[in-house]
PDB file of N, CA and C in Angstrom:
ATOM      1  N   MET A   1      82.694 -27.937  47.794  1.00  0.00           N
ATOM      2  CA  MET A   1      82.439 -29.092  48.623  1.00  0.00           C
ATOM      3  C   MET A   1      82.248 -30.351  47.777  1.00  0.00           C
ATOM      4  N   ASP A   2      81.687 -30.173  46.574  1.00  0.00           N
ATOM      5  CA  ASP A   2      81.451 -31.308  45.694  1.00  0.00           C
ATOM      6  C   ASP A   2      81.442 -30.801  44.255  1.00  0.00           C
ATOM      7  N   GLU A   3      82.080 -31.551  43.366  1.00  0.00           N
ATOM      8  CA  GLU A   3      82.162 -31.117  41.970  1.00  0.00           C
ATOM      9  C   GLU A   3      80.807 -31.074  41.275  1.00  0.00           C
ATOM     10  N   LYS A   4      79.909 -32.025  41.592  1.00  0.00           N
ATOM     11  CA  LYS A   4      78.624 -32.058  40.892  1.00  0.00           C
ATOM     12  C   LYS A   4      77.646 -31.005  41.400  1.00  0.00           C
ATOM     13  N   ASN A   5      77.830 -30.496  42.590  1.00  0.00           N
ATOM     14  CA  ASN A   5      76.981 -29.441  43.145  1.00  0.00           C
ATOM     15  C   ASN A   5      77.855 -28.356  43.749  1.00  0.00           C
ATOM     16  N   PRO A   6      78.163 -27.322  42.992  1.00  0.00           N
ATOM     17  CA  PRO A   6      78.988 -26.243  43.542  1.00  0.00           C
ATOM     18  C   PRO A   6      78.237 -25.516  44.655  1.00  0.00           C
ATOM     19  N   LEU A   7      78.975 -24.794  45.466  1.00  0.00           N
ATOM     20  CA  LEU A   7      78.379 -24.087  46.598  1.00  0.00           C
ATOM     21  C   LEU A   7      77.297 -23.102  46.165  1.00  0.00           C
ATOM     22  N   SER A   8      77.368 -22.628  44.945  1.00  0.00           N
ATOM     23  CA  SER A   8      76.370 -21.670  44.472  1.00  0.00           C
ATOM     24  C   SER A   8      75.026 -22.337  44.170  1.00  0.00           C
ATOM     25  N   GLU A   9      75.007 -23.666  44.051  1.00  0.00           N
ATOM     26  CA  GLU A   9      73.756 -24.363  43.767  1.00  0.00           C
ATOM     27  C   GLU A   9      72.995 -24.610  45.062  1.00  0.00           C
ATOM     28  N   ARG A  10      71.711 -24.273  45.057  1.00  0.00           N
ATOM     29  CA  ARG A  10      70.887 -24.431  46.244  1.00  0.00           C
ATOM     30  C   ARG A  10      70.286 -25.831  46.277  1.00  0.00           C
ATOM     31  N   LEU A  11      70.470 -26.521  47.374  1.00  0.00           N
ATOM     32  CA  LEU A  11      69.860 -27.826  47.578  1.00  0.00           C
ATOM     33  C   LEU A  11      68.733 -27.652  48.588  1.00  0.00           C
ATOM     34  N   SER A  12      67.621 -28.347  48.373  1.00  0.00           N
ATOM     35  CA  SER A  12      66.530 -28.245  49.334  1.00  0.00           C
ATOM     36  C   SER A  12      65.805 -29.576  49.435  1.00  0.00           C
ATOM     37  N   SER A  13      65.057 -29.724  50.503  1.00  0.00           N
ATOM     38  CA  SER A  13      64.313 -30.953  50.747  1.00  0.00           C
ATOM     39  C   SER A  13      63.244 -31.144  49.683  1.00  0.00           C
ATOM     40  N   SER A  14      63.011 -32.385  49.321  1.00  0.00           N
ATOM     41  CA  SER A  14      61.947 -32.699  48.367  1.00  0.00           C
ATOM     42  C   SER A  14      60.590 -32.802  49.061  1.00  0.00           C
ATOM     43  N   LEU A  15      60.584 -32.707  50.371  1.00  0.00           N
ATOM     44  CA  LEU A  15      59.329 -32.738  51.120  1.00  0.00           C
ATOM     45  C   LEU A  15      58.609 -31.400  50.998  1.00  0.00           C
ATOM     46  N   ASN A  16      57.300 -31.430  51.069  1.00  0.00           N
ATOM     47  CA  ASN A  16      56.509 -30.203  51.029  1.00  0.00           C
ATOM     48  C   ASN A  16      56.490 -29.608  52.438  1.00  0.00           C
ATOM     49  N   LEU A  17      57.468 -28.763  52.709  1.00  0.00           N
ATOM     50  CA  LEU A  17      57.641 -28.228  54.058  1.00  0.00           C
ATOM     51  C   LEU A  17      56.466 -27.363  54.500  1.00  0.00           C
ATOM     52  N   GLU A  18      55.866 -26.636  53.573  1.00  0.00           N
ATOM     53  CA  GLU A  18      54.721 -25.793  53.924  1.00  0.00           C
ATOM     54  C   GLU A  18      53.565 -26.645  54.439  1.00  0.00           C
ATOM     55  N   LYS A  19      53.275 -27.748  53.743  1.00  0.00           N
ATOM     56  CA  LYS A  19      52.189 -28.629  54.171  1.00  0.00           C
ATOM     57  C   LYS A  19      52.506 -29.280  55.514  1.00  0.00           C
ATOM     58  N   ILE A  20      53.749 -29.666  55.695  1.00  0.00           N
ATOM     59  CA  ILE A  20      54.141 -30.271  56.967  1.00  0.00           C
ATOM     60  C   ILE A  20      53.940 -29.265  58.095  1.00  0.00           C
ATOM     61  N   CYS A  21      54.343 -28.017  57.881  1.00  0.00           N
ATOM     62  CA  CYS A  21      54.181 -26.986  58.912  1.00  0.00           C
ATOM     63  C   CYS A  21      52.713 -26.743  59.244  1.00  0.00           C
ATOM     64  N   VAL A  22      51.874 -26.657  58.228  1.00  0.00           N
ATOM     65  CA  VAL A  22      50.439 -26.447  58.460  1.00  0.00           C
ATOM     66  C   VAL A  22      49.874 -27.612  59.267  1.00  0.00           C
ATOM     67  N   ASP A  23      50.212 -28.821  58.858  1.00  0.00           N
ATOM     68  CA  ASP A  23      49.713 -30.004  59.561  1.00  0.00           C
ATOM     69  C   ASP A  23      50.214 -30.033  61.009  1.00  0.00           C
ATOM     70  N   MET A  24      51.478 -29.715  61.221  1.00  0.00           N
ATOM     71  CA  MET A  24      52.022 -29.731  62.582  1.00  0.00           C
ATOM     72  C   MET A  24      51.401 -28.637  63.442  1.00  0.00           C
ATOM     73  N   ARG A  25      51.108 -27.480  62.855  1.00  0.00           N
ATOM     74  CA  ARG A  25      50.412 -26.426  63.608  1.00  0.00           C
ATOM     75  C   ARG A  25      49.004 -26.893  63.978  1.00  0.00           C
ATOM     76  N   ASP A  26      48.335 -27.575  63.032  1.00  0.00           N
ATOM     77  CA  ASP A  26      47.012 -28.128  63.321  1.00  0.00           C
ATOM     78  C   ASP A  26      47.070 -29.152  64.450  1.00  0.00           C
ATOM     79  N   ARG A  27      48.202 -29.795  64.603  1.00  0.00           N
ATOM     80  CA  ARG A  27      48.394 -30.780  65.678  1.00  0.00           C
ATOM     81  C   ARG A  27      48.816 -30.112  66.993  1.00  0.00           C
ATOM     82  N   GLY A  28      48.961 -28.781  66.962  1.00  0.00           N
ATOM     83  CA  GLY A  28      49.252 -28.045  68.194  1.00  0.00           C
ATOM     84  C   GLY A  28      50.707 -27.703  68.437  1.00  0.00           C
ATOM     85  N   PHE A  29      51.554 -27.827  67.440  1.00  0.00           N
ATOM     86  CA  PHE A  29      52.975 -27.542  67.607  1.00  0.00           C
ATOM     87  C   PHE A  29      53.333 -26.210  66.943  1.00  0.00           C
ATOM     88  N   ASP A  30      54.184 -25.459  67.605  1.00  0.00           N
ATOM     89  CA  ASP A  30      54.648 -24.169  67.094  1.00  0.00           C
ATOM     90  C   ASP A  30      55.885 -24.420  66.227  1.00  0.00           C
ATOM     91  N   VAL A  31      55.690 -24.474  64.918  1.00  0.00           N
ATOM     92  CA  VAL A  31      56.789 -24.797  63.999  1.00  0.00           C
ATOM     93  C   VAL A  31      56.868 -23.759  62.896  1.00  0.00           C
ATOM     94  N   GLY A  32      58.006 -23.720  62.235  1.00  0.00           N
ATOM     95  CA  GLY A  32      58.207 -22.828  61.110  1.00  0.00           C
ATOM     96  C   GLY A  32      59.368 -23.316  60.269  1.00  0.00           C
ATOM     97  N   ILE A  33      59.459 -22.778  59.079  1.00  0.00           N
ATOM     98  CA  ILE A  33      60.550 -23.125  58.161  1.00  0.00           C
ATOM     99  C   ILE A  33      61.656 -22.103  58.343  1.00  0.00           C
ATOM    100  N   SER A  34      62.858 -22.591  58.481  1.00  0.00           N
ATOM    101  CA  SER A  34      64.002 -21.714  58.659  1.00  0.00           C
ATOM    102  C   SER A  34      64.988 -21.928  57.519  1.00  0.00           C
ATOM    103  N   GLY A  35      65.579 -20.866  57.056  1.00  0.00           N
ATOM    104  CA  GLY A  35      66.637 -20.967  56.063  1.00  0.00           C
ATOM    105  C   GLY A  35      68.008 -21.092  56.706  1.00  0.00           C
ATOM    106  N   ASP A  36      68.051 -21.084  58.028  1.00  0.00           N
ATOM    107  CA  ASP A  36      69.319 -21.164  58.755  1.00  0.00           C
ATOM    108  C   ASP A  36      69.550 -22.594  59.215  1.00  0.00           C
ATOM    109  N   ARG A  37      70.467 -23.266  58.564  1.00  0.00           N
ATOM    110  CA  ARG A  37      70.792 -24.639  58.920  1.00  0.00           C
ATOM    111  C   ARG A  37      71.778 -24.713  60.064  1.00  0.00           C
ATOM    112  N   GLY A  38      72.151 -23.590  60.586  1.00  0.00           N
ATOM    113  CA  GLY A  38      73.169 -23.588  61.622  1.00  0.00           C
ATOM    114  C   GLY A  38      74.544 -23.533  60.995  1.00  0.00           C
ATOM    115  N   ARG A  39      75.520 -23.723  61.786  1.00  0.00           N
ATOM    116  CA  ARG A  39      76.900 -23.674  61.315  1.00  0.00           C
ATOM    117  C   ARG A  39      77.580 -25.016  61.545  1.00  0.00           C
ATOM    118  N   PHE A  40      78.636 -25.212  60.855  1.00  0.00           N
ATOM    119  CA  PHE A  40      79.540 -26.334  61.023  1.00  0.00           C
ATOM    120  C   PHE A  40      78.846 -27.680  60.880  1.00  0.00           C
ATOM    121  N   VAL A  41      78.604 -28.419  61.958  1.00  0.00           N
ATOM    122  CA  VAL A  41      78.101 -29.793  61.876  1.00  0.00           C
ATOM    123  C   VAL A  41      76.686 -29.840  61.299  1.00  0.00           C
ATOM    124  N   CYS A  42      75.775 -28.995  61.763  1.00  0.00           N
ATOM    125  CA  CYS A  42      74.386 -29.017  61.276  1.00  0.00           C
ATOM    126  C   CYS A  42      74.333 -28.721  59.781  1.00  0.00           C
ATOM    127  N   ASN A  43      74.989 -27.663  59.369  1.00  0.00           N
ATOM    128  CA  ASN A  43      74.981 -27.262  57.970  1.00  0.00           C
ATOM    129  C   ASN A  43      75.584 -28.355  57.092  1.00  0.00           C
ATOM    130  N   TYR A  44      76.718 -28.875  57.485  1.00  0.00           N
ATOM    131  CA  TYR A  44      77.384 -29.892  56.680  1.00  0.00           C
ATOM    132  C   TYR A  44      76.568 -31.182  56.628  1.00  0.00           C
ATOM    133  N   THR A  45      75.986 -31.582  57.753  1.00  0.00           N
ATOM    134  CA  THR A  45      75.173 -32.804  57.791  1.00  0.00           C
ATOM    135  C   THR A  45      73.991 -32.698  56.840  1.00  0.00           C
ATOM    136  N   TYR A  46      73.304 -31.552  56.870  1.00  0.00           N
ATOM    137  CA  TYR A  46      72.140 -31.360  56.004  1.00  0.00           C
ATOM    138  C   TYR A  46      72.562 -31.302  54.534  1.00  0.00           C
ATOM    139  N   TRP A  47      73.610 -30.530  54.236  1.00  0.00           N
ATOM    140  CA  TRP A  47      74.090 -30.415  52.859  1.00  0.00           C
ATOM    141  C   TRP A  47      74.523 -31.775  52.326  1.00  0.00           C
ATOM    142  N   LEU A  48      75.291 -32.512  53.120  1.00  0.00           N
ATOM    143  CA  LEU A  48      75.787 -33.811  52.683  1.00  0.00           C
ATOM    144  C   LEU A  48      74.631 -34.775  52.424  1.00  0.00           C
ATOM    145  N   SER A  49      73.634 -34.753  53.282  1.00  0.00           N
ATOM    146  CA  SER A  49      72.460 -35.616  53.098  1.00  0.00           C
ATOM    147  C   SER A  49      71.725 -35.257  51.822  1.00  0.00           C
ATOM    148  N   LEU A  50      71.465 -33.971  51.607  1.00  0.00           N
ATOM    149  CA  LEU A  50      70.772 -33.535  50.398  1.00  0.00           C
ATOM    150  C   LEU A  50      71.583 -33.839  49.145  1.00  0.00           C
ATOM    151  N   ASN A  51      72.868 -33.650  49.222  1.00  0.00           N
ATOM    152  CA  ASN A  51      73.745 -33.866  48.074  1.00  0.00           C
ATOM    153  C   ASN A  51      73.820 -35.337  47.676  1.00  0.00           C
ATOM    154  N   ASN A  52      73.854 -36.220  48.653  1.00  0.00           N
ATOM    155  CA  ASN A  52      74.050 -37.641  48.362  1.00  0.00           C
ATOM    156  C   ASN A  52      72.763 -38.414  48.120  1.00  0.00           C
ATOM    157  N   ILE A  53      71.640 -37.880  48.570  1.00  0.00           N
ATOM    158  CA  ILE A  53      70.375 -38.607  48.429  1.00  0.00           C
ATOM    159  C   ILE A  53      69.430 -37.739  47.626  1.00  0.00           C
ATOM    160  N   GLN A  54      69.513 -37.856  46.320  1.00  0.00           N
ATOM    161  CA  GLN A  54      68.664 -37.065  45.439  1.00  0.00           C
ATOM    162  C   GLN A  54      67.864 -38.000  44.545  1.00  0.00           C
ATOM    163  N   ASN A  55      66.748 -38.482  45.081  1.00  0.00           N
ATOM    164  CA  ASN A  55      65.834 -39.288  44.277  1.00  0.00           C
ATOM    165  C   ASN A  55      64.433 -39.150  44.857  1.00  0.00           C
ATOM    166  N   ASP A  56      63.455 -39.733  44.180  1.00  0.00           N
ATOM    167  CA  ASP A  56      62.059 -39.583  44.584  1.00  0.00           C
ATOM    168  C   ASP A  56      61.651 -40.484  45.736  1.00  0.00           C
ATOM    169  N   ARG A  57      62.473 -41.441  46.077  1.00  0.00           N
ATOM    170  CA  ARG A  57      62.079 -42.414  47.100  1.00  0.00           C
ATOM    171  C   ARG A  57      62.645 -42.109  48.470  1.00  0.00           C
ATOM    172  N   VAL A  58      63.661 -41.280  48.546  1.00  0.00           N
ATOM    173  CA  VAL A  58      64.278 -40.939  49.831  1.00  0.00           C
ATOM    174  C   VAL A  58      64.183 -39.431  50.018  1.00  0.00           C
ATOM    175  N   HIS A  59      63.740 -39.021  51.177  1.00  0.00           N
ATOM    176  CA  HIS A  59      63.562 -37.601  51.459  1.00  0.00           C
ATOM    177  C   HIS A  59      64.450 -37.210  52.633  1.00  0.00           C
ATOM    178  N   VAL A  60      64.893 -35.963  52.617  1.00  0.00           N
ATOM    179  CA  VAL A  60      65.778 -35.458  53.660  1.00  0.00           C
ATOM    180  C   VAL A  60      65.093 -34.291  54.352  1.00  0.00           C
ATOM    181  N   LEU A  61      65.144 -34.302  55.671  1.00  0.00           N
ATOM    182  CA  LEU A  61      64.620 -33.202  56.472  1.00  0.00           C
ATOM    183  C   LEU A  61      65.528 -33.035  57.680  1.00  0.00           C
ATOM    184  N   PHE A  62      65.947 -31.825  57.921  1.00  0.00           N
ATOM    185  CA  PHE A  62      66.780 -31.533  59.094  1.00  0.00           C
ATOM    186  C   PHE A  62      65.940 -30.720  60.056  1.00  0.00           C
ATOM    187  N   VAL A  63      65.844 -31.181  61.288  1.00  0.00           N
ATOM    188  CA  VAL A  63      65.007 -30.520  62.289  1.00  0.00           C
ATOM    189  C   VAL A  63      65.872 -30.113  63.473  1.00  0.00           C
ATOM    190  N   HIS A  64      65.848 -28.815  63.774  1.00  0.00           N
ATOM    191  CA  HIS A  64      66.502 -28.341  64.991  1.00  0.00           C
ATOM    192  C   HIS A  64      65.527 -28.507  66.138  1.00  0.00           C
ATOM    193  N   VAL A  65      65.967 -29.109  67.213  1.00  0.00           N
ATOM    194  CA  VAL A  65      65.118 -29.281  68.394  1.00  0.00           C
ATOM    195  C   VAL A  65      65.788 -28.609  69.596  1.00  0.00           C
ATOM    196  N   PRO A  66      64.973 -28.072  70.501  1.00  0.00           N
ATOM    197  CA  PRO A  66      65.550 -27.399  71.665  1.00  0.00           C
ATOM    198  C   PRO A  66      66.094 -28.395  72.691  1.00  0.00           C
ATOM    199  N   MET A  67      66.840 -27.889  73.633  1.00  0.00           N
ATOM    200  CA  MET A  67      67.347 -28.724  74.724  1.00  0.00           C
ATOM    201  C   MET A  67      66.167 -29.142  75.605  1.00  0.00           C
ATOM    202  N   PHE A  68      66.337 -30.242  76.347  1.00  0.00           N
ATOM    203  CA  PHE A  68      65.266 -30.733  77.221  1.00  0.00           C
ATOM    204  C   PHE A  68      64.918 -29.729  78.316  1.00  0.00           C
ATOM    205  N   SER A  69      65.825 -28.840  78.628  1.00  0.00           N
ATOM    206  CA  SER A  69      65.519 -27.825  79.641  1.00  0.00           C
ATOM    207  C   SER A  69      64.522 -26.797  79.096  1.00  0.00           C
ATOM    208  N   VAL A  70      64.394 -26.706  77.767  1.00  0.00           N
ATOM    209  CA  VAL A  70      63.455 -25.778  77.141  1.00  0.00           C
ATOM    210  C   VAL A  70      62.137 -26.481  76.839  1.00  0.00           C
ATOM    211  N   LYS A  71      62.208 -27.653  76.230  1.00  0.00           N
ATOM    212  CA  LYS A  71      61.037 -28.494  75.952  1.00  0.00           C
ATOM    213  C   LYS A  71      61.341 -29.889  76.482  1.00  0.00           C
ATOM    214  N   SER A  72      60.418 -30.445  77.253  1.00  0.00           N
ATOM    215  CA  SER A  72      60.668 -31.730  77.912  1.00  0.00           C
ATOM    216  C   SER A  72      60.903 -32.854  76.897  1.00  0.00           C
ATOM    217  N   GLU A  73      61.557 -33.896  77.362  1.00  0.00           N
ATOM    218  CA  GLU A  73      61.804 -35.058  76.515  1.00  0.00           C
ATOM    219  C   GLU A  73      60.484 -35.658  76.027  1.00  0.00           C
ATOM    220  N   ASP A  74      59.482 -35.755  76.912  1.00  0.00           N
ATOM    221  CA  ASP A  74      58.173 -36.291  76.519  1.00  0.00           C
ATOM    222  C   ASP A  74      57.543 -35.451  75.411  1.00  0.00           C
ATOM    223  N   HIS A  75      57.651 -34.123  75.530  1.00  0.00           N
ATOM    224  CA  HIS A  75      57.107 -33.235  74.500  1.00  0.00           C
ATOM    225  C   HIS A  75      57.826 -33.453  73.172  1.00  0.00           C
ATOM    226  N   GLN A  76      59.130 -33.607  73.218  1.00  0.00           N
ATOM    227  CA  GLN A  76      59.897 -33.798  71.985  1.00  0.00           C
ATOM    228  C   GLN A  76      59.621 -35.161  71.349  1.00  0.00           C
ATOM    229  N   ILE A  77      59.413 -36.185  72.160  1.00  0.00           N
ATOM    230  CA  ILE A  77      59.051 -37.494  71.612  1.00  0.00           C
ATOM    231  C   ILE A  77      57.686 -37.411  70.942  1.00  0.00           C
ATOM    232  N   ASP A  78      56.742 -36.730  71.596  1.00  0.00           N
ATOM    233  CA  ASP A  78      55.415 -36.520  71.015  1.00  0.00           C
ATOM    234  C   ASP A  78      55.532 -35.755  69.699  1.00  0.00           C
ATOM    235  N   PHE A  79      56.388 -34.740  69.675  1.00  0.00           N
ATOM    236  CA  PHE A  79      56.608 -33.954  68.461  1.00  0.00           C
ATOM    237  C   PHE A  79      57.135 -34.830  67.333  1.00  0.00           C
ATOM    238  N   ILE A  80      58.150 -35.631  67.606  1.00  0.00           N
ATOM    239  CA  ILE A  80      58.757 -36.481  66.570  1.00  0.00           C
ATOM    240  C   ILE A  80      57.744 -37.500  66.054  1.00  0.00           C
ATOM    241  N   GLU A  81      56.965 -38.094  66.953  1.00  0.00           N
ATOM    242  CA  GLU A  81      55.937 -39.054  66.514  1.00  0.00           C
ATOM    243  C   GLU A  81      54.930 -38.370  65.586  1.00  0.00           C
ATOM    244  N   ASN A  82      54.486 -37.171  65.964  1.00  0.00           N
ATOM    245  CA  ASN A  82      53.538 -36.433  65.133  1.00  0.00           C
ATOM    246  C   ASN A  82      54.174 -35.996  63.818  1.00  0.00           C
ATOM    247  N   LEU A  83      55.442 -35.601  63.845  1.00  0.00           N
ATOM    248  CA  LEU A  83      56.141 -35.205  62.629  1.00  0.00           C
ATOM    249  C   LEU A  83      56.229 -36.371  61.648  1.00  0.00           C
ATOM    250  N   LEU A  84      56.577 -37.539  62.150  1.00  0.00           N
ATOM    251  CA  LEU A  84      56.661 -38.713  61.276  1.00  0.00           C
ATOM    252  C   LEU A  84      55.293 -39.068  60.693  1.00  0.00           C
ATOM    253  N   CYS A  85      54.240 -38.950  61.495  1.00  0.00           N
ATOM    254  CA  CYS A  85      52.879 -39.201  60.986  1.00  0.00           C
ATOM    255  C   CYS A  85      52.507 -38.174  59.919  1.00  0.00           C
ATOM    256  N   SER A  86      52.871 -36.928  60.153  1.00  0.00           N
ATOM    257  CA  SER A  86      52.580 -35.865  59.194  1.00  0.00           C
ATOM    258  C   SER A  86      53.293 -36.117  57.869  1.00  0.00           C
ATOM    259  N   ILE A  87      54.565 -36.456  57.943  1.00  0.00           N
ATOM    260  CA  ILE A  87      55.338 -36.740  56.727  1.00  0.00           C
ATOM    261  C   ILE A  87      54.745 -37.931  55.989  1.00  0.00           C
ATOM    262  N   GLU A  88      54.415 -38.982  56.724  1.00  0.00           N
ATOM    263  CA  GLU A  88      53.827 -40.169  56.091  1.00  0.00           C
ATOM    264  C   GLU A  88      52.510 -39.818  55.398  1.00  0.00           C
ATOM    265  N   GLN A  89      51.677 -39.050  56.066  1.00  0.00           N
ATOM    266  CA  GLN A  89      50.383 -38.660  55.500  1.00  0.00           C
ATOM    267  C   GLN A  89      50.573 -37.837  54.225  1.00  0.00           C
ATOM    268  N   ILE A  90      51.496 -36.909  54.243  1.00  0.00           N
ATOM    269  CA  ILE A  90      51.736 -36.060  53.072  1.00  0.00           C
ATOM    270  C   ILE A  90      52.346 -36.866  51.927  1.00  0.00           C
ATOM    271  N   LEU A  91      53.256 -37.772  52.240  1.00  0.00           N
ATOM    272  CA  LEU A  91      53.845 -38.605  51.189  1.00  0.00           C
ATOM    273  C   LEU A  91      52.797 -39.523  50.576  1.00  0.00           C
ATOM    274  N   GLN A  92      51.891 -40.058  51.369  1.00  0.00           N
ATOM    275  CA  GLN A  92      50.812 -40.895  50.832  1.00  0.00           C
ATOM    276  C   GLN A  92      49.926 -40.077  49.902  1.00  0.00           C
ATOM    277  N   THR A  93      49.636 -38.842  50.282  1.00  0.00           N
ATOM    278  CA  THR A  93      48.833 -37.956  49.441  1.00  0.00           C
ATOM    279  C   THR A  93      49.550 -37.685  48.128  1.00  0.00           C
ATOM    280  N   GLN A  94      50.862 -37.446  48.179  1.00  0.00           N
ATOM    281  CA  GLN A  94      51.630 -37.192  46.964  1.00  0.00           C
ATOM    282  C   GLN A  94      51.615 -38.418  46.059  1.00  0.00           C
ATOM    283  N   LYS A  95      51.761 -39.605  46.641  1.00  0.00           N
ATOM    284  CA  LYS A  95      51.750 -40.827  45.839  1.00  0.00           C
ATOM    285  C   LYS A  95      50.398 -41.006  45.168  1.00  0.00           C
ATOM    286  N   LEU A  96      49.320 -40.761  45.894  1.00  0.00           N
ATOM    287  CA  LEU A  96      47.993 -40.878  45.305  1.00  0.00           C
ATOM    288  C   LEU A  96      47.816 -39.881  44.173  1.00  0.00           C
ATOM    289  N   TYR A  97      48.329 -38.673  44.362  1.00  0.00           N
ATOM    290  CA  TYR A  97      48.233 -37.664  43.319  1.00  0.00           C
ATOM    291  C   TYR A  97      48.936 -38.145  42.052  1.00  0.00           C
ATOM    292  N   PHE A  98      50.123 -38.700  42.212  1.00  0.00           N
ATOM    293  CA  PHE A  98      50.852 -39.175  41.048  1.00  0.00           C
ATOM    294  C   PHE A  98      50.141 -40.353  40.387  1.00  0.00           C
ATOM    295  N   ILE A  99      49.536 -41.218  41.161  1.00  0.00           N
ATOM    296  CA  ILE A  99      48.805 -42.347  40.591  1.00  0.00           C
ATOM    297  C   ILE A  99      47.634 -41.823  39.759  1.00  0.00           C
ATOM    298  N   PHE A 100      46.875 -40.889  40.318  1.00  0.00           N
ATOM    299  CA  PHE A 100      45.741 -40.344  39.581  1.00  0.00           C
ATOM    300  C   PHE A 100      46.202 -39.543  38.375  1.00  0.00           C
ATOM    301  N   LYS A 101      47.281 -38.830  38.521  1.00  0.00           N
ATOM    302  CA  LYS A 101      47.791 -38.039  37.406  1.00  0.00           C
ATOM    303  C   LYS A 101      48.197 -38.955  36.259  1.00  0.00           C
ATOM    304  N   PHE A 102      48.852 -40.036  36.542  1.00  0.00           N
ATOM    305  CA  PHE A 102      49.314 -40.929  35.493  1.00  0.00           C
ATOM    306  C   PHE A 102      48.180 -41.744  34.884  1.00  0.00           C
ATOM    307  N   GLN A 103      47.089 -41.923  35.591  1.00  0.00           N
ATOM    308  CA  GLN A 103      45.970 -42.671  35.024  1.00  0.00           C
ATOM    309  C   GLN A 103      45.341 -41.934  33.847  1.00  0.00           C
ATOM    310  N   ASP A 104      45.486 -40.637  33.799  1.00  0.00           N
ATOM    311  CA  ASP A 104      44.912 -39.841  32.714  1.00  0.00           C
ATOM    312  C   ASP A 104      45.771 -39.837  31.445  1.00  0.00           C
ATOM    313  N   VAL A 105      46.962 -40.367  31.543  1.00  0.00           N
ATOM    314  CA  VAL A 105      47.867 -40.359  30.394  1.00  0.00           C
ATOM    315  C   VAL A 105      47.486 -41.477  29.443  1.00  0.00           C
ATOM    316  N   GLN A 106      47.362 -41.139  28.165  1.00  0.00           N
ATOM    317  CA  GLN A 106      47.088 -42.150  27.141  1.00  0.00           C
ATOM    318  C   GLN A 106      48.386 -42.486  26.424  1.00  0.00           C
ATOM    319  N   LEU A 107      48.698 -43.760  26.390  1.00  0.00           N
ATOM    320  CA  LEU A 107      49.923 -44.187  25.726  1.00  0.00           C
ATOM    321  C   LEU A 107      49.710 -44.268  24.225  1.00  0.00           C
ATOM    322  N   GLN A 108      50.671 -43.801  23.482  1.00  0.00           N
ATOM    323  CA  GLN A 108      50.629 -43.836  22.038  1.00  0.00           C
ATOM    324  C   GLN A 108      51.616 -44.899  21.551  1.00  0.00           C
ATOM    325  N   PRO A 109      51.240 -45.651  20.526  1.00  0.00           N
ATOM    326  CA  PRO A 109      52.180 -46.645  19.994  1.00  0.00           C
ATOM    327  C   PRO A 109      53.394 -45.946  19.375  1.00  0.00           C
ATOM    328  N   LEU A 110      54.516 -46.607  19.480  1.00  0.00           N
ATOM    329  CA  LEU A 110      55.741 -46.062  18.888  1.00  0.00           C
ATOM    330  C   LEU A 110      55.670 -46.197  17.375  1.00  0.00           C
ATOM    331  N   SER A 111      56.064 -45.161  16.667  1.00  0.00           N
ATOM    332  CA  SER A 111      56.092 -45.252  15.205  1.00  0.00           C
ATOM    333  C   SER A 111      57.371 -45.950  14.764  1.00  0.00           C
ATOM    334  N   LYS A 112      57.289 -46.664  13.677  1.00  0.00           N
ATOM    335  CA  LYS A 112      58.470 -47.422  13.199  1.00  0.00           C
ATOM    336  C   LYS A 112      59.242 -46.627  12.195  1.00  0.00           C
TER     337      LYS A 112
END
């Protein structure tokens, strides 16, 4: 599919999916991590997103949602709002961790 990432190379989200799932369960949603991206459009969309956006500032997450006949539109809107809040909260925590981690680093002068 791409020369820089052969099909044998596994691509995954840079988000902490386990923490997101725990937080979403705490918010009352029945969620889990799936290794099945679906077929055809879903799989390709997720792979293409992960392949093209590989940096620390942009994160990729693919979420399968049920039809409105299974979960109401209002429920799904509530879910998405909570998911975005959860992701934001976790990313803020990660940023704080990196700030504190880097504060402990002592810089050494370059030798000539």
